[in-house]
């Protein structure tokens, strides 16, 4: 199995996220973007993602941070994955 970082997107539902807060639940759904780890099967087809977006905390050296930043920048060059229709690419309407 291989992996890399990819920009992913999905629609965020305030109504579902804030069931106990009627004021926030009134907000319109909106599209959000984040960088996730994406995992691939033997044929190179995405078959899973990290549950949470990536962050830059917890590294033990500046070299590690630089390496991760380089990999995150590579993610910006690849098509965006649509988590609402995974593993398909997102098409801006």
N, C-alpha and C. Protein backbone atom coordinates (compact mmCIF):
# COMPACT_ATOMS: atom_id res chain seq x y z
N UNK A 1 0.85 -1.18 0.00
CA UNK A 1 0.00 0.00 0.00
C UNK A 1 0.89 1.23 0.00
N UNK A 2 0.49 2.24 -0.76
CA UNK A 2 1.21 3.50 -0.78
C UNK A 2 0.29 4.61 -0.28
N UNK A 3 0.87 5.77 -0.05
CA UNK A 3 0.09 6.91 0.40
C UNK A 3 0.77 8.20 -0.04
N UNK A 4 0.03 9.28 0.00
CA UNK A 4 0.57 10.63 -0.16
C UNK A 4 -0.45 11.61 0.41
N UNK A 5 -0.09 12.87 0.40
CA UNK A 5 -1.01 13.91 0.82
C UNK A 5 -1.81 14.37 -0.40
N UNK A 6 -3.09 14.64 -0.18
CA UNK A 6 -3.96 15.17 -1.24
C UNK A 6 -4.91 16.20 -0.65
N UNK A 7 -5.23 17.20 -1.45
CA UNK A 7 -6.28 18.12 -1.07
C UNK A 7 -7.60 17.39 -1.27
N UNK A 8 -8.45 17.44 -0.27
CA UNK A 8 -9.77 16.81 -0.32
C UNK A 8 -10.82 17.86 0.02
N UNK A 9 -12.03 17.63 -0.45
CA UNK A 9 -13.12 18.56 -0.19
C UNK A 9 -14.40 17.80 0.13
N UNK A 10 -15.27 18.46 0.88
CA UNK A 10 -16.61 17.92 1.13
C UNK A 10 -17.51 19.07 1.58
N UNK A 11 -18.80 18.79 1.50
CA UNK A 11 -19.77 19.78 1.96
C UNK A 11 -19.92 19.65 3.47
N UNK A 12 -19.80 20.77 4.17
CA UNK A 12 -19.97 20.80 5.61
C UNK A 12 -21.40 21.21 5.93
N UNK A 13 -22.08 20.39 6.72
CA UNK A 13 -23.47 20.64 7.08
C UNK A 13 -23.53 21.21 8.51
N UNK A 14 -23.89 22.47 8.63
CA UNK A 14 -24.07 23.08 9.95
C UNK A 14 -25.23 22.42 10.68
N UNK A 15 -26.26 22.06 9.92
CA UNK A 15 -27.45 21.45 10.52
C UNK A 15 -27.09 20.14 11.23
N UNK A 16 -26.24 19.32 10.59
CA UNK A 16 -25.83 18.05 11.22
C UNK A 16 -24.78 18.27 12.31
N UNK A 17 -23.88 19.23 12.11
CA UNK A 17 -22.79 19.44 13.07
C UNK A 17 -23.26 20.12 14.35
N UNK A 18 -24.31 20.91 14.26
CA UNK A 18 -24.76 21.69 15.41
C UNK A 18 -26.22 21.40 15.75
N UNK A 19 -26.53 20.14 15.96
CA UNK A 19 -27.92 19.76 16.25
C UNK A 19 -28.41 20.37 17.57
N UNK A 20 -27.50 20.69 18.46
CA UNK A 20 -27.88 21.26 19.76
C UNK A 20 -27.73 22.78 19.82
N UNK A 21 -27.46 23.40 18.68
CA UNK A 21 -27.31 24.84 18.64
C UNK A 21 -28.09 25.37 17.44
N UNK A 22 -29.33 25.74 17.68
CA UNK A 22 -30.23 26.14 16.59
C UNK A 22 -29.69 27.33 15.80
N UNK A 23 -29.03 28.25 16.46
CA UNK A 23 -28.50 29.43 15.78
C UNK A 23 -27.44 29.03 14.75
N UNK A 24 -26.46 28.22 15.16
CA UNK A 24 -25.43 27.78 14.23
C UNK A 24 -25.99 26.83 13.17
N UNK A 25 -26.97 26.02 13.53
CA UNK A 25 -27.56 25.07 12.60
C UNK A 25 -28.27 25.77 11.44
N UNK A 26 -28.58 27.05 11.59
CA UNK A 26 -29.27 27.80 10.53
C UNK A 26 -28.34 28.20 9.39
N UNK A 27 -27.02 28.12 9.59
CA UNK A 27 -26.07 28.51 8.54
C UNK A 27 -26.21 27.59 7.33
N UNK A 28 -25.96 28.16 6.16
CA UNK A 28 -25.98 27.39 4.92
C UNK A 28 -24.79 26.43 4.88
N UNK A 29 -25.01 25.25 4.29
CA UNK A 29 -23.90 24.32 4.07
C UNK A 29 -22.83 25.03 3.24
N UNK A 30 -21.57 24.63 3.45
CA UNK A 30 -20.50 25.21 2.65
C UNK A 30 -19.43 24.17 2.35
N UNK A 31 -18.75 24.36 1.25
CA UNK A 31 -17.69 23.46 0.84
C UNK A 31 -16.41 23.82 1.59
N UNK A 32 -15.75 22.81 2.15
CA UNK A 32 -14.48 23.05 2.83
C UNK A 32 -13.40 22.18 2.18
N UNK A 33 -12.17 22.64 2.30
CA UNK A 33 -11.01 21.97 1.73
C UNK A 33 -9.98 21.75 2.82
N UNK A 34 -9.27 20.62 2.74
CA UNK A 34 -8.20 20.31 3.69
C UNK A 34 -7.27 19.31 3.04
N UNK A 35 -6.08 19.18 3.59
CA UNK A 35 -5.13 18.19 3.10
C UNK A 35 -5.17 16.98 4.02
N UNK A 36 -5.38 15.81 3.41
CA UNK A 36 -5.44 14.53 4.14
C UNK A 36 -4.37 13.59 3.61
N UNK A 37 -4.03 12.60 4.42
CA UNK A 37 -3.27 11.45 3.92
C UNK A 37 -4.25 10.59 3.13
N UNK A 38 -3.85 10.17 1.94
CA UNK A 38 -4.68 9.32 1.11
C UNK A 38 -3.91 8.03 0.85
N UNK A 39 -4.60 6.91 0.99
CA UNK A 39 -4.00 5.59 0.84
C UNK A 39 -4.50 4.96 -0.46
N UNK A 40 -3.62 4.18 -1.10
CA UNK A 40 -3.91 3.62 -2.42
C UNK A 40 -3.78 2.10 -2.40
N UNK A 41 -4.59 1.45 -3.26
CA UNK A 41 -4.46 0.00 -3.41
C UNK A 41 -3.30 -0.31 -4.37
N UNK A 42 -3.11 -1.57 -4.67
CA UNK A 42 -1.99 -1.99 -5.52
C UNK A 42 -2.06 -1.42 -6.93
N UNK A 43 -3.27 -1.09 -7.38
CA UNK A 43 -3.44 -0.52 -8.72
C UNK A 43 -3.31 1.00 -8.72
N UNK A 44 -3.07 1.60 -7.57
CA UNK A 44 -2.91 3.05 -7.48
C UNK A 44 -4.21 3.81 -7.35
N UNK A 45 -5.29 3.11 -7.01
CA UNK A 45 -6.60 3.76 -6.84
C UNK A 45 -6.77 4.13 -5.36
N UNK A 46 -7.16 5.38 -5.08
CA UNK A 46 -7.37 5.74 -3.68
C UNK A 46 -8.42 4.84 -3.03
N UNK A 47 -8.09 4.34 -1.83
CA UNK A 47 -9.06 3.47 -1.14
C UNK A 47 -9.29 3.87 0.31
N UNK A 48 -8.74 5.01 0.73
CA UNK A 48 -8.98 5.49 2.08
C UNK A 48 -8.25 6.79 2.35
N UNK A 49 -8.70 7.47 3.39
CA UNK A 49 -8.07 8.73 3.80
C UNK A 49 -7.92 8.76 5.32
N UNK A 50 -7.07 9.68 5.78
CA UNK A 50 -7.00 9.92 7.21
C UNK A 50 -8.33 10.51 7.66
N UNK A 51 -8.70 10.25 8.90
CA UNK A 51 -9.96 10.77 9.44
C UNK A 51 -9.92 12.29 9.57
N UNK A 52 -8.78 12.79 10.00
CA UNK A 52 -8.62 14.24 10.23
C UNK A 52 -7.59 14.83 9.27
N UNK A 53 -7.71 16.12 8.95
CA UNK A 53 -6.71 16.77 8.10
C UNK A 53 -5.34 16.76 8.78
N UNK A 54 -4.33 16.95 7.95
CA UNK A 54 -2.95 16.99 8.45
C UNK A 54 -2.68 18.28 9.21
N UNK A 55 -1.67 18.22 10.10
CA UNK A 55 -1.23 19.42 10.79
C UNK A 55 0.29 19.39 10.88
N UNK A 56 0.88 20.46 11.32
CA UNK A 56 2.34 20.56 11.37
C UNK A 56 2.87 20.49 12.79
N UNK A 57 2.16 19.86 13.67
CA UNK A 57 2.63 19.77 15.05
C UNK A 57 3.28 18.44 15.36
N UNK A 58 4.18 18.43 16.32
CA UNK A 58 4.71 17.18 16.86
C UNK A 58 5.95 16.63 16.20
N UNK A 59 6.62 17.38 15.35
CA UNK A 59 7.84 16.88 14.72
C UNK A 59 9.05 17.16 15.59
N UNK A 60 10.08 16.33 15.46
CA UNK A 60 11.24 16.44 16.35
C UNK A 60 12.41 17.20 15.75
N UNK A 61 12.27 17.62 14.50
CA UNK A 61 13.36 18.42 13.90
C UNK A 61 12.79 19.33 12.83
N UNK A 62 13.52 20.39 12.54
CA UNK A 62 13.11 21.32 11.49
C UNK A 62 13.17 20.62 10.12
N UNK A 63 14.08 19.66 9.97
CA UNK A 63 14.17 18.91 8.71
C UNK A 63 12.88 18.12 8.47
N UNK A 64 12.33 17.54 9.54
CA UNK A 64 11.05 16.83 9.40
C UNK A 64 9.94 17.77 8.97
N UNK A 65 9.90 18.95 9.56
CA UNK A 65 8.88 19.94 9.20
C UNK A 65 9.04 20.33 7.73
N UNK A 66 10.27 20.59 7.30
CA UNK A 66 10.51 20.97 5.90
C UNK A 66 10.08 19.85 4.95
N UNK A 67 10.38 18.62 5.31
CA UNK A 67 10.00 17.49 4.47
C UNK A 67 8.48 17.40 4.33
N UNK A 68 7.77 17.58 5.42
CA UNK A 68 6.31 17.52 5.38
C UNK A 68 5.75 18.69 4.57
N UNK A 69 6.31 19.87 4.73
CA UNK A 69 5.85 21.03 3.96
C UNK A 69 6.04 20.78 2.47
N UNK A 70 7.16 20.19 2.09
CA UNK A 70 7.38 19.86 0.68
C UNK A 70 6.31 18.91 0.17
N UNK A 71 5.97 17.90 0.96
CA UNK A 71 4.95 16.93 0.56
C UNK A 71 3.56 17.58 0.50
N UNK A 72 3.30 18.50 1.41
CA UNK A 72 2.01 19.22 1.39
C UNK A 72 1.91 20.08 0.13
N UNK A 73 3.02 20.71 -0.25
CA UNK A 73 3.01 21.53 -1.47
C UNK A 73 2.77 20.66 -2.71
N UNK A 74 3.29 19.45 -2.72
CA UNK A 74 3.04 18.53 -3.83
C UNK A 74 1.55 18.21 -3.95
N UNK A 75 0.87 18.15 -2.81
CA UNK A 75 -0.57 17.86 -2.82
C UNK A 75 -1.35 18.93 -3.59
N UNK A 76 -0.86 20.15 -3.56
CA UNK A 76 -1.55 21.25 -4.25
C UNK A 76 -1.48 21.12 -5.77
N UNK A 77 -0.57 20.30 -6.26
CA UNK A 77 -0.40 20.11 -7.70
C UNK A 77 -1.27 18.99 -8.26
N UNK A 78 -1.91 18.22 -7.39
CA UNK A 78 -2.70 17.07 -7.81
C UNK A 78 -4.19 17.44 -7.83
N UNK A 79 -4.99 16.69 -8.60
CA UNK A 79 -6.44 16.95 -8.57
C UNK A 79 -7.01 16.78 -7.16
N UNK A 80 -8.03 17.54 -6.87
CA UNK A 80 -8.69 17.50 -5.57
C UNK A 80 -9.64 16.31 -5.52
N UNK A 81 -9.62 15.58 -4.41
CA UNK A 81 -10.52 14.44 -4.25
C UNK A 81 -11.80 14.88 -3.55
N UNK A 82 -12.92 14.35 -4.02
CA UNK A 82 -14.24 14.68 -3.48
C UNK A 82 -14.64 13.63 -2.44
N UNK A 83 -14.57 13.98 -1.17
CA UNK A 83 -14.89 13.02 -0.11
C UNK A 83 -16.36 12.64 -0.08
N UNK A 84 -17.22 13.46 -0.69
CA UNK A 84 -18.64 13.11 -0.78
C UNK A 84 -18.89 12.10 -1.89
N UNK A 85 -17.92 11.90 -2.75
CA UNK A 85 -18.04 10.99 -3.88
C UNK A 85 -16.70 10.27 -4.08
N UNK A 86 -16.10 9.85 -2.99
CA UNK A 86 -14.76 9.23 -2.99
C UNK A 86 -14.78 7.91 -3.75
N UNK A 87 -13.78 7.62 -4.55
CA UNK A 87 -12.50 8.31 -4.72
C UNK A 87 -12.46 9.26 -5.92
N UNK A 88 -13.60 9.71 -6.39
CA UNK A 88 -13.64 10.58 -7.56
C UNK A 88 -13.01 11.95 -7.28
N UNK A 89 -12.54 12.56 -8.34
CA UNK A 89 -12.00 13.91 -8.26
C UNK A 89 -13.14 14.90 -8.21
N UNK A 90 -12.91 16.00 -7.50
CA UNK A 90 -13.90 17.09 -7.40
C UNK A 90 -13.84 17.94 -8.66
N UNK A 91 -14.99 18.26 -9.15
CA UNK A 91 -15.12 19.14 -10.32
C UNK A 91 -15.79 20.43 -9.89
N UNK A 92 -15.09 21.54 -10.01
CA UNK A 92 -15.65 22.83 -9.66
C UNK A 92 -16.79 23.15 -10.62
N UNK A 93 -17.94 23.44 -10.05
CA UNK A 93 -19.13 23.68 -10.90
C UNK A 93 -19.22 25.10 -11.37
